[in-house]
């Protein structure tokens, strides 16, 4: 896509790993940033632009070991923005990962699922193993 470069952030103790690229939106980890607006605004803006110019199939992978209320609001806004994509039901697949036994994250996934009409999977995982190429391997897949 012209004019839209890959966007990444490395995970910290307070923020998730983020990879935004053509065909893939990936946000996984812990989300308790000091200033969620400052952290998530560039992500939201990238996705907003992507939604306007995208015609590709897109896989969206979200998973949090912990997420605070302010971050949930940003993720909610991001999903609402994604819901504006052309041919949403055909072009978008969302996977919400949560740790085994984490009922709160499971419930949050189903709440977010109710916001969009596209394939949306809520997947229980035994944990997340990071690989060097920005991919994440979930034990249940």
Protein backbone atom coordinates (compact mmCIF):
# COMPACT_ATOMS: atom_id res chain seq x y z
CA UNK A 1 0.00 0.00 0.00
CA UNK A 2 1.40 3.30 -1.01
CA UNK A 3 2.18 5.72 1.79
CA UNK A 4 1.61 3.31 4.65
CA UNK A 5 4.72 1.82 6.20
CA UNK A 6 4.95 -1.08 8.60
CA UNK A 7 4.54 0.05 12.21
CA UNK A 8 5.97 -1.92 15.13
CA UNK A 9 6.62 -1.55 18.82
CA UNK A 10 8.56 -3.90 21.04
CA UNK A 11 6.80 -5.13 24.15
CA UNK A 12 7.67 -3.76 27.58
CA UNK A 13 6.47 -4.64 31.05
CA UNK A 14 3.61 -2.16 30.50
CA UNK A 15 2.92 -2.24 26.75
CA UNK A 16 2.15 -4.92 24.14
CA UNK A 17 4.04 -5.94 21.02
CA UNK A 18 2.41 -4.28 18.03
CA UNK A 19 2.89 -5.13 14.37
CA UNK A 20 0.83 -3.27 11.79
CA UNK A 21 1.40 -4.16 8.15
CA UNK A 22 -0.57 -4.89 5.00
CA UNK A 23 -2.77 -7.87 5.75
CA UNK A 24 -1.96 -8.04 9.46
CA UNK A 25 -2.80 -6.15 12.63
CA UNK A 26 -1.18 -7.72 15.68
CA UNK A 27 -1.42 -6.47 19.29
CA UNK A 28 -0.40 -8.93 22.01
CA UNK A 29 0.92 -8.61 25.56
CA UNK A 30 0.29 -6.53 28.64
CA UNK A 31 -1.41 -3.15 28.20
CA UNK A 32 -1.09 -0.78 31.12
CA UNK A 33 0.72 2.21 29.61
CA UNK A 34 1.17 5.38 31.66
CA UNK A 35 -0.56 7.37 28.92
CA UNK A 36 -2.78 5.11 26.76
CA UNK A 37 -3.68 7.99 24.43
CA UNK A 38 -0.05 8.70 23.65
CA UNK A 39 0.66 4.98 23.17
CA UNK A 40 -2.41 3.99 21.11
CA UNK A 41 -3.00 7.19 19.07
CA UNK A 42 -0.40 6.27 16.39
CA UNK A 43 -1.90 2.77 16.19
CA UNK A 44 -5.41 4.17 15.78
CA UNK A 45 -4.24 6.65 13.14
CA UNK A 46 -2.38 3.92 11.20
CA UNK A 47 -5.48 1.69 11.27
CA UNK A 48 -7.76 4.58 10.33
CA UNK A 49 -5.63 5.26 7.25
CA UNK A 50 -5.38 1.53 6.49
CA UNK A 51 -9.18 1.17 6.57
CA UNK A 52 -9.53 4.00 4.03
CA UNK A 53 -7.08 2.60 1.48
CA UNK A 54 -7.17 -1.14 2.13
CA UNK A 55 -8.67 -3.74 -0.15
CA UNK A 56 -6.66 -6.70 1.16
CA UNK A 57 -7.66 -9.57 3.37
CA UNK A 58 -6.56 -8.74 6.88
CA UNK A 59 -5.91 -10.94 9.89
CA UNK A 60 -6.26 -9.17 13.22
CA UNK A 61 -4.71 -10.89 16.24
CA UNK A 62 -5.36 -9.49 19.69
CA UNK A 63 -4.35 -10.99 23.02
CA UNK A 64 -3.70 -9.54 26.43
CA UNK A 65 -2.43 -11.11 29.61
CA UNK A 66 -3.71 -7.94 31.29
CA UNK A 67 -5.36 -4.79 29.96
CA UNK A 68 -6.48 -1.74 31.93
CA UNK A 69 -9.74 0.14 31.38
CA UNK A 70 -8.13 3.01 29.47
CA UNK A 71 -6.49 0.57 27.05
CA UNK A 72 -9.79 -1.28 26.58
CA UNK A 73 -11.33 1.99 25.40
CA UNK A 74 -8.60 2.35 22.76
CA UNK A 75 -8.98 -1.27 21.61
CA UNK A 76 -12.75 -0.71 21.40
CA UNK A 77 -12.17 2.39 19.22
CA UNK A 78 -9.72 0.46 17.04
CA UNK A 79 -12.25 -2.34 16.49
CA UNK A 80 -14.97 0.21 15.69
CA UNK A 81 -12.62 1.73 13.10
CA UNK A 82 -11.88 -1.71 11.63
CA UNK A 83 -15.64 -2.27 11.33
CA UNK A 84 -15.63 0.47 8.66
CA UNK A 85 -13.53 -1.62 6.26
CA UNK A 86 -15.00 -2.39 2.85
CA UNK A 87 -16.37 -5.92 2.55
CA UNK A 88 -15.66 -6.47 6.23
CA UNK A 89 -17.22 -9.93 6.43
CA UNK A 90 -15.15 -11.20 3.48
CA UNK A 91 -11.87 -9.41 4.14
CA UNK A 92 -11.35 -9.41 7.91
CA UNK A 93 -10.72 -12.16 10.43
CA UNK A 94 -10.24 -11.28 14.10
CA UNK A 95 -8.72 -13.66 16.62
CA UNK A 96 -8.94 -12.74 20.32
CA UNK A 97 -6.57 -14.84 22.42
CA UNK A 98 -6.89 -15.17 26.18
CA UNK A 99 -5.01 -17.24 28.73
CA UNK A 100 -6.56 -20.49 29.83
CA UNK A 101 -8.96 -19.90 32.71
CA UNK A 102 -9.02 -16.11 32.36
CA UNK A 103 -12.78 -15.63 32.31
CA UNK A 104 -12.54 -11.83 32.29
CA UNK A 105 -10.46 -11.76 29.09
CA UNK A 106 -12.75 -14.37 27.53
CA UNK A 107 -15.81 -12.24 28.33
CA UNK A 108 -14.09 -9.11 26.97
CA UNK A 109 -13.42 -10.98 23.72
CA UNK A 110 -17.11 -11.81 23.35
CA UNK A 111 -18.10 -8.22 24.10
CA UNK A 112 -15.75 -6.98 21.38
CA UNK A 113 -17.01 -9.69 19.03
CA UNK A 114 -20.50 -8.20 19.30
CA UNK A 115 -19.21 -4.94 17.78
CA UNK A 116 -18.36 -6.28 14.32
CA UNK A 117 -19.92 -8.56 11.76
CA UNK A 118 -16.97 -10.54 10.52
CA UNK A 119 -15.31 -13.83 11.45
CA UNK A 120 -14.29 -13.27 15.08
CA UNK A 121 -12.80 -16.12 17.07
CA UNK A 122 -12.31 -16.12 20.84
CA UNK A 123 -9.52 -18.62 21.47
CA UNK A 124 -8.30 -19.97 24.79
CA UNK A 125 -4.52 -20.37 24.89
CA UNK A 126 -2.08 -21.93 27.32
CA UNK A 127 0.28 -19.05 26.77
CA UNK A 128 2.14 -17.06 24.20
CA UNK A 129 5.59 -17.91 22.86
CA UNK A 130 7.31 -15.11 20.97
CA UNK A 131 9.40 -15.95 17.95
CA UNK A 132 12.10 -13.72 16.44
CA UNK A 133 10.13 -12.81 13.30
CA UNK A 134 7.28 -10.98 15.08
CA UNK A 135 5.07 -14.03 14.89
CA UNK A 136 3.40 -15.48 17.93
CA UNK A 137 2.73 -19.16 18.37
CA UNK A 138 -0.33 -19.95 20.43
CA UNK A 139 -0.37 -23.40 21.98
CA UNK A 140 -3.97 -24.11 21.01
CA UNK A 141 -3.56 -23.47 17.26
